[in-house]
Amino acid sequence: MGSLGGLSLFTIIIIAANVIISYKGFEDYGFFERYKFNVGGVRRGEQFRMFSSGFLHADTTHLLFNMMTLFFFANAVIGDLGELGFLVVYIGSLALGSLLSLYFHKNEYHYSAVGASGAVMGILYASILLEPERGIYMFFIPFEIPGYIFGIMYLLYSIYGMKNRVGNIGHDAHFGGAIGGYVITLILQPSLFETDLLMVGLLAVPIIILFVMHKLGKI
């Protein structure tokens, strides 16, 4: 599909869609309410909310943070999986993020959420799986962290956040998106089981912990 300044046009289109739809939501409360993720709405049959909510954001800072993360990690995924693979990971992670949120909040009819975080977390986790040694910089930390360490620690924090309802953050959508990025990348690139089995196993650890804790009723 081509690129512009080194950035895939696919990525540019997704970022533009997020910006346009988010700003429409900022200015039009009715539009925002109609298309945000809401458990009651989804359970009434408005499944489109599970996807449309991924293009809405709470404010400009929320939008900027997600789009910057996508900007920095999209090319790593496109380089290995191609633009179609990137799109499959993005949409699949968005869907799994919404599904996990719905699963954990299915009886909270007023629970609402917005943001591309699930989709973006899927791209981030996919890029870590594809390039686990790639360094990631964090705010306030003056050195880079190997991607696989960041990925594992972030998901462990997400489990903590889900269990303790930490902050106004959709930890379950982040985690569901990461699962999407992990599973879809392995489906599209099964050679990773042969070339990097250790990292495949390590990055599965937080996912296994979540399911074990849920099975034991701890979350």
C-alpha atoms as a PDB file:
ATOM      1  CA  MET A   1       0.000   0.000   0.000  1.00  0.00           C
ATOM      2  CA  GLY A   2       3.029   2.266   0.210  1.00  0.00           C
ATOM      3  CA  SER A   3       4.399   4.564   2.874  1.00  0.00           C
ATOM      4  CA  LEU A   4       4.828   8.220   3.732  1.00  0.00           C
ATOM      5  CA  GLY A   5       7.970   9.330   5.511  1.00  0.00           C
ATOM      6  CA  GLY A   6       8.697   5.744   6.480  1.00  0.00           C
ATOM      7  CA  LEU A   7       5.244   5.260   8.009  1.00  0.00           C
ATOM      8  CA  SER A   8       2.869   2.838   6.309  1.00  0.00           C
ATOM      9  CA  LEU A   9      -0.207   4.403   4.751  1.00  0.00           C
ATOM     10  CA  PHE A  10      -2.177   1.717   6.597  1.00  0.00           C
ATOM     11  CA  THR A  11      -0.939   3.157   9.889  1.00  0.00           C
ATOM     12  CA  ILE A  12      -1.616   6.718   8.761  1.00  0.00           C
ATOM     13  CA  ILE A  13      -5.211   5.816   7.839  1.00  0.00           C
ATOM     14  CA  ILE A  14      -5.807   4.177  11.243  1.00  0.00           C
ATOM     15  CA  ILE A  15      -4.328   7.155  13.099  1.00  0.00           C
ATOM     16  CA  ALA A  16      -6.395   9.572  10.985  1.00  0.00           C
ATOM     17  CA  ALA A  17      -9.579   7.577  11.678  1.00  0.00           C
ATOM     18  CA  ASN A  18      -8.874   7.684  15.417  1.00  0.00           C
ATOM     19  CA  VAL A  19      -8.239  11.437  15.341  1.00  0.00           C
ATOM     20  CA  ILE A  20     -11.321  12.291  13.242  1.00  0.00           C
ATOM     21  CA  ILE A  21     -13.744  10.060  15.156  1.00  0.00           C
ATOM     22  CA  SER A  22     -12.324  11.034  18.558  1.00  0.00           C
ATOM     23  CA  TYR A  23     -12.673  14.753  17.819  1.00  0.00           C
ATOM     24  CA  LYS A  24     -16.220  14.181  16.602  1.00  0.00           C
ATOM     25  CA  GLY A  25     -16.853  12.552  19.982  1.00  0.00           C
ATOM     26  CA  PHE A  26     -15.232  15.449  21.853  1.00  0.00           C
ATOM     27  CA  GLU A  27     -17.654  17.890  20.203  1.00  0.00           C
ATOM     28  CA  ASP A  28     -20.792  15.745  20.016  1.00  0.00           C
ATOM     29  CA  TYR A  29     -21.881  14.164  23.322  1.00  0.00           C
ATOM     30  CA  GLY A  30     -24.699  12.215  21.661  1.00  0.00           C
ATOM     31  CA  PHE A  31     -22.263  10.690  19.160  1.00  0.00           C
ATOM     32  CA  PHE A  32     -19.855   9.767  21.981  1.00  0.00           C
ATOM     33  CA  GLU A  33     -22.612   8.113  24.029  1.00  0.00           C
ATOM     34  CA  ARG A  34     -23.967   6.256  21.013  1.00  0.00           C
ATOM     35  CA  TYR A  35     -20.660   4.639  20.024  1.00  0.00           C
ATOM     36  CA  LYS A  36     -18.749   4.143  23.290  1.00  0.00           C
ATOM     37  CA  PHE A  37     -18.353   0.675  24.799  1.00  0.00           C
ATOM     38  CA  ASN A  38     -21.209   0.127  27.234  1.00  0.00           C
ATOM     39  CA  VAL A  39     -22.127  -3.244  28.704  1.00  0.00           C
ATOM     40  CA  GLY A  40     -25.857  -2.496  28.768  1.00  0.00           C
ATOM     41  CA  GLY A  41     -25.789  -1.345  25.155  1.00  0.00           C
ATOM     42  CA  VAL A  42     -23.835  -4.384  23.973  1.00  0.00           C
ATOM     43  CA  ARG A  43     -26.158  -6.750  25.815  1.00  0.00           C
ATOM     44  CA  ARG A  44     -29.120  -5.025  24.146  1.00  0.00           C
ATOM     45  CA  GLY A  45     -27.667  -6.082  20.807  1.00  0.00           C
ATOM     46  CA  GLU A  46     -25.470  -3.081  19.960  1.00  0.00           C
ATOM     47  CA  GLN A  47     -22.359  -5.143  19.270  1.00  0.00           C
ATOM     48  CA  PHE A  48     -20.973  -2.404  17.024  1.00  0.00           C
ATOM     49  CA  ARG A  49     -19.955  -0.591  20.231  1.00  0.00           C
ATOM     50  CA  MET A  50     -17.232  -3.191  20.749  1.00  0.00           C
ATOM     51  CA  PHE A  51     -15.475  -1.850  17.645  1.00  0.00           C
ATOM     52  CA  SER A  52     -16.625   1.775  17.416  1.00  0.00           C
ATOM     53  CA  SER A  53     -15.426   2.464  20.976  1.00  0.00           C
ATOM     54  CA  GLY A  54     -11.889   1.676  19.823  1.00  0.00           C
ATOM     55  CA  PHE A  55     -11.877   4.866  17.735  1.00  0.00           C
ATOM     56  CA  LEU A  56     -13.166   7.147  20.498  1.00  0.00           C
ATOM     57  CA  HIS A  57     -11.045   8.641  23.284  1.00  0.00           C
ATOM     58  CA  ALA A  58     -11.742  10.362  26.580  1.00  0.00           C
ATOM     59  CA  ASP A  59      -9.588  13.399  25.806  1.00  0.00           C
ATOM     60  CA  THR A  60      -6.682  14.636  23.688  1.00  0.00           C
ATOM     61  CA  THR A  61      -4.040  13.227  26.065  1.00  0.00           C
ATOM     62  CA  HIS A  62      -5.625   9.769  25.897  1.00  0.00           C
ATOM     63  CA  LEU A  63      -5.719   9.962  22.088  1.00  0.00           C
ATOM     64  CA  LEU A  64      -2.146  11.255  21.816  1.00  0.00           C
ATOM     65  CA  PHE A  65      -0.701   8.550  24.061  1.00  0.00           C
ATOM     66  CA  ASN A  66      -2.367   5.732  22.104  1.00  0.00           C
ATOM     67  CA  MET A  67      -1.449   7.142  18.699  1.00  0.00           C
ATOM     68  CA  MET A  68       2.162   7.756  19.701  1.00  0.00           C
ATOM     69  CA  THR A  69       2.466   4.154  20.884  1.00  0.00           C
ATOM     70  CA  LEU A  70       0.965   2.922  17.616  1.00  0.00           C
ATOM     71  CA  PHE A  71       3.310   5.210  15.653  1.00  0.00           C
ATOM     72  CA  PHE A  72       6.419   3.754  17.324  1.00  0.00           C
ATOM     73  CA  PHE A  73       5.509   0.057  17.080  1.00  0.00           C
ATOM     74  CA  ALA A  74       3.416  -0.332  13.916  1.00  0.00           C
ATOM     75  CA  ASN A  75       6.364  -0.645  11.515  1.00  0.00           C
ATOM     76  CA  ALA A  76       7.908  -3.504  13.505  1.00  0.00           C
ATOM     77  CA  VAL A  77       4.727  -5.539  13.042  1.00  0.00           C
ATOM     78  CA  ILE A  78       4.255  -4.544   9.401  1.00  0.00           C
ATOM     79  CA  GLY A  79       7.887  -5.445   8.676  1.00  0.00           C
ATOM     80  CA  ASP A  80       7.337  -9.037   9.808  1.00  0.00           C
ATOM     81  CA  LEU A  81       3.644  -9.687   9.161  1.00  0.00           C
ATOM     82  CA  GLY A  82       2.898  -7.303   6.286  1.00  0.00           C
ATOM     83  CA  GLU A  83       0.156  -4.674   6.174  1.00  0.00           C
ATOM     84  CA  LEU A  84      -2.676  -7.230   6.049  1.00  0.00           C
ATOM     85  CA  GLY A  85      -1.213  -9.074   9.031  1.00  0.00           C
ATOM     86  CA  PHE A  86      -0.889  -5.774  10.883  1.00  0.00           C
ATOM     87  CA  LEU A  87      -4.548  -4.995  10.214  1.00  0.00           C
ATOM     88  CA  VAL A  88      -5.623  -8.473  11.385  1.00  0.00           C
ATOM     89  CA  VAL A  89      -3.658  -8.014  14.629  1.00  0.00           C
ATOM     90  CA  TYR A  90      -5.074  -4.506  15.163  1.00  0.00           C
ATOM     91  CA  ILE A  91      -8.734  -5.412  14.593  1.00  0.00           C
ATOM     92  CA  GLY A  92      -8.429  -8.796  16.320  1.00  0.00           C
ATOM     93  CA  SER A  93      -6.820  -7.230  19.390  1.00  0.00           C
ATOM     94  CA  LEU A  94      -9.488  -4.538  19.508  1.00  0.00           C
ATOM     95  CA  ALA A  95     -12.157  -7.245  19.443  1.00  0.00           C
ATOM     96  CA  LEU A  96     -10.486  -9.391  22.109  1.00  0.00           C
ATOM     97  CA  GLY A  97      -9.941  -6.363  24.334  1.00  0.00           C
ATOM     98  CA  SER A  98     -13.655  -5.560  24.166  1.00  0.00           C
ATOM     99  CA  LEU A  99     -14.599  -9.214  24.685  1.00  0.00           C
ATOM    100  CA  LEU A 100     -12.472  -9.517  27.816  1.00  0.00           C
ATOM    101  CA  SER A 101     -13.968  -6.280  29.166  1.00  0.00           C
ATOM    102  CA  LEU A 102     -17.448  -7.613  28.460  1.00  0.00           C
ATOM    103  CA  TYR A 103     -16.616 -10.908  30.159  1.00  0.00           C
ATOM    104  CA  PHE A 104     -15.300  -9.317  33.365  1.00  0.00           C
ATOM    105  CA  HIS A 105     -18.009  -6.628  33.546  1.00  0.00           C
ATOM    106  CA  LYS A 106     -20.964  -8.521  32.080  1.00  0.00           C
ATOM    107  CA  ASN A 107     -23.188  -7.803  35.081  1.00  0.00           C
ATOM    108  CA  GLU A 108     -22.215  -4.116  35.336  1.00  0.00           C
ATOM    109  CA  TYR A 109     -24.727  -2.651  32.910  1.00  0.00           C
ATOM    110  CA  HIS A 110     -23.447   0.895  33.347  1.00  0.00           C
ATOM    111  CA  TYR A 111     -19.782   0.010  32.741  1.00  0.00           C
ATOM    112  CA  SER A 112     -18.415   2.088  29.857  1.00  0.00           C
ATOM    113  CA  ALA A 113     -15.023   2.498  28.186  1.00  0.00           C
ATOM    114  CA  VAL A 114     -13.413   4.103  25.149  1.00  0.00           C
ATOM    115  CA  GLY A 115     -10.021   4.071  23.488  1.00  0.00           C
ATOM    116  CA  ALA A 116      -7.771   2.226  21.073  1.00  0.00           C
ATOM    117  CA  SER A 117      -5.752   0.811  23.972  1.00  0.00           C
ATOM    118  CA  GLY A 118      -6.735  -2.814  23.341  1.00  0.00           C
ATOM    119  CA  ALA A 119      -5.796  -2.635  19.658  1.00  0.00           C
ATOM    120  CA  VAL A 120      -2.615  -0.681  20.364  1.00  0.00           C
ATOM    121  CA  MET A 121      -1.603  -3.071  23.152  1.00  0.00           C
ATOM    122  CA  GLY A 122      -2.065  -5.918  20.666  1.00  0.00           C
ATOM    123  CA  ILE A 123       0.335  -4.220  18.253  1.00  0.00           C
ATOM    124  CA  LEU A 124       2.798  -3.538  21.074  1.00  0.00           C
ATOM    125  CA  TYR A 125       2.703  -7.140  22.327  1.00  0.00           C
ATOM    126  CA  ALA A 126       2.995  -8.462  18.769  1.00  0.00           C
ATOM    127  CA  SER A 127       6.080  -6.305  18.205  1.00  0.00           C
ATOM    128  CA  ILE A 128       7.602  -7.585  21.465  1.00  0.00           C
ATOM    129  CA  LEU A 129       6.959 -11.182  20.406  1.00  0.00           C
ATOM    130  CA  LEU A 130       8.543 -10.514  17.011  1.00  0.00           C
ATOM    131  CA  GLU A 131      11.485  -8.489  18.389  1.00  0.00           C
ATOM    132  CA  PRO A 132      11.744  -9.388  22.109  1.00  0.00           C
ATOM    133  CA  GLU A 133      15.166  -7.806  22.654  1.00  0.00           C
ATOM    134  CA  ARG A 134      14.159  -4.434  21.206  1.00  0.00           C
ATOM    135  CA  GLY A 135      14.511  -1.739  23.846  1.00  0.00           C
ATOM    136  CA  ILE A 136      11.547   0.247  25.118  1.00  0.00           C
ATOM    137  CA  TYR A 137      11.898   3.589  26.881  1.00  0.00           C
ATOM    138  CA  MET A 138       9.607   4.511  29.756  1.00  0.00           C
ATOM    139  CA  PHE A 139       8.847   7.934  31.153  1.00  0.00           C
ATOM    140  CA  PHE A 140      11.109   8.845  34.073  1.00  0.00           C
ATOM    141  CA  ILE A 141      13.430   5.870  33.446  1.00  0.00           C
ATOM    142  CA  PRO A 142      16.718   7.001  31.830  1.00  0.00           C
ATOM    143  CA  PHE A 143      17.519   3.688  30.172  1.00  0.00           C
ATOM    144  CA  GLU A 144      15.795   1.276  27.830  1.00  0.00           C
ATOM    145  CA  ILE A 145      14.069  -1.894  29.017  1.00  0.00           C
ATOM    146  CA  PRO A 146      14.156  -5.077  26.897  1.00  0.00           C
ATOM    147  CA  GLY A 147      10.760  -5.472  25.263  1.00  0.00           C
ATOM    148  CA  TYR A 148       9.978  -8.879  26.724  1.00  0.00           C
ATOM    149  CA  ILE A 149      10.610  -7.646  30.287  1.00  0.00           C
ATOM    150  CA  PHE A 150       8.371  -4.628  29.710  1.00  0.00           C
ATOM    151  CA  GLY A 151       5.618  -6.827  28.212  1.00  0.00           C
ATOM    152  CA  ILE A 152       5.626  -9.300  31.098  1.00  0.00           C
ATOM    153  CA  MET A 153       5.755  -6.598  33.788  1.00  0.00           C
ATOM    154  CA  TYR A 154       3.008  -4.557  32.141  1.00  0.00           C
ATOM    155  CA  LEU A 155       0.632  -7.505  31.982  1.00  0.00           C
ATOM    156  CA  LEU A 156       1.383  -8.439  35.578  1.00  0.00           C
ATOM    157  CA  TYR A 157       0.526  -4.847  36.513  1.00  0.00           C
ATOM    158  CA  SER A 158      -2.667  -5.155  34.452  1.00  0.00           C
ATOM    159  CA  ILE A 159      -3.660  -8.221  36.494  1.00  0.00           C
ATOM    160  CA  TYR A 160      -3.052  -6.203  39.662  1.00  0.00           C
ATOM    161  CA  GLY A 161      -5.097  -3.353  38.208  1.00  0.00           C
ATOM    162  CA  MET A 162      -7.976  -5.667  37.270  1.00  0.00           C
ATOM    163  CA  LYS A 163      -8.016  -7.291  40.696  1.00  0.00           C
ATOM    164  CA  ASN A 164      -7.886  -4.017  42.636  1.00  0.00           C
ATOM    165  CA  ARG A 165      -9.751  -1.724  40.208  1.00  0.00           C
ATOM    166  CA  VAL A 166      -6.751   0.611  40.043  1.00  0.00           C
ATOM    167  CA  GLY A 167      -7.453   3.964  38.398  1.00  0.00           C
ATOM    168  CA  ASN A 168      -9.916   4.844  35.656  1.00  0.00           C
ATOM    169  CA  ILE A 169      -8.137   2.483  33.255  1.00  0.00           C
ATOM    170  CA  GLY A 170      -9.510  -0.420  31.200  1.00  0.00           C
ATOM    171  CA  HIS A 171      -6.922  -2.936  32.386  1.00  0.00           C
ATOM    172  CA  ASP A 172      -8.989  -5.834  31.039  1.00  0.00           C
ATOM    173  CA  ALA A 173      -9.118  -4.278  27.551  1.00  0.00           C
ATOM    174  CA  HIS A 174      -5.336  -3.840  27.644  1.00  0.00           C
ATOM    175  CA  PHE A 175      -4.888  -7.455  28.664  1.00  0.00           C
ATOM    176  CA  GLY A 176      -7.366  -8.748  26.085  1.00  0.00           C
ATOM    177  CA  GLY A 177      -5.587  -6.756  23.404  1.00  0.00           C
ATOM    178  CA  ALA A 178      -2.235  -8.225  24.433  1.00  0.00           C
ATOM    179  CA  ILE A 179      -3.714 -11.741  24.220  1.00  0.00           C
ATOM    180  CA  GLY A 180      -4.957 -10.875  20.739  1.00  0.00           C
ATOM    181  CA  GLY A 181      -1.537  -9.629  19.649  1.00  0.00           C
ATOM    182  CA  TYR A 182       0.134 -12.717  21.095  1.00  0.00           C
ATOM    183  CA  VAL A 183      -2.223 -15.363  19.686  1.00  0.00           C
ATOM    184  CA  ILE A 184      -2.766 -13.802  16.246  1.00  0.00           C
ATOM    185  CA  THR A 185       0.973 -13.218  15.756  1.00  0.00           C
ATOM    186  CA  LEU A 186       1.690 -16.874  16.531  1.00  0.00           C
ATOM    187  CA  ILE A 187      -1.020 -17.955  14.089  1.00  0.00           C
ATOM    188  CA  LEU A 188       0.422 -15.727  11.353  1.00  0.00           C
ATOM    189  CA  GLN A 189       4.063 -16.529  12.202  1.00  0.00           C
ATOM    190  CA  PRO A 190       4.148 -20.100  13.579  1.00  0.00           C
ATOM    191  CA  SER A 191       7.892 -20.291  12.868  1.00  0.00           C
ATOM    192  CA  LEU A 192       8.354 -18.419  16.177  1.00  0.00           C
ATOM    193  CA  PHE A 193       7.723 -21.737  17.941  1.00  0.00           C
ATOM    194  CA  GLU A 194      10.919 -22.995  16.315  1.00  0.00           C
ATOM    195  CA  THR A 195      13.073 -19.866  16.306  1.00  0.00           C
ATOM    196  CA  ASP A 196      12.166 -18.290  19.665  1.00  0.00           C
ATOM    197  CA  LEU A 197      10.319 -20.847  21.776  1.00  0.00           C
ATOM    198  CA  LEU A 198      11.745 -19.470  25.036  1.00  0.00           C
ATOM    199  CA  MET A 199      10.270 -16.010  24.412  1.00  0.00           C
ATOM    200  CA  VAL A 200       6.987 -17.525  23.266  1.00  0.00           C
ATOM    201  CA  GLY A 201       6.833 -19.316  26.612  1.00  0.00           C
ATOM    202  CA  LEU A 202       7.947 -16.340  28.722  1.00  0.00           C
ATOM    203  CA  LEU A 203       5.420 -13.977  27.151  1.00  0.00           C
ATOM    204  CA  ALA A 204       2.664 -16.516  27.841  1.00  0.00           C
ATOM    205  CA  VAL A 205       3.358 -16.497  31.601  1.00  0.00           C
ATOM    206  CA  PRO A 206       1.141 -13.482  32.521  1.00  0.00           C
ATOM    207  CA  ILE A 207      -1.674 -14.860  30.354  1.00  0.00           C
ATOM    208  CA  ILE A 208      -1.501 -18.212  32.140  1.00  0.00           C
ATOM    209  CA  ILE A 209      -1.412 -16.452  35.532  1.00  0.00           C
ATOM    210  CA  LEU A 210      -4.572 -14.485  34.662  1.00  0.00           C
ATOM    211  CA  PHE A 211      -6.510 -17.602  33.704  1.00  0.00           C
ATOM    212  CA  VAL A 212      -5.309 -19.542  36.755  1.00  0.00           C
ATOM    213  CA  MET A 213      -6.250 -16.661  39.085  1.00  0.00           C
ATOM    214  CA  HIS A 214      -9.659 -16.386  37.430  1.00  0.00           C
ATOM    215  CA  LYS A 215     -10.185 -20.133  37.708  1.00  0.00           C
ATOM    216  CA  LEU A 216      -9.383 -19.921  41.433  1.00  0.00           C
ATOM    217  CA  GLY A 217     -11.780 -17.018  41.839  1.00  0.00           C
ATOM    218  CA  LYS A 218      -9.027 -14.550  42.689  1.00  0.00           C
ATOM    219  CA  ILE A 219      -9.989 -12.123  39.961  1.00  0.00           C
END
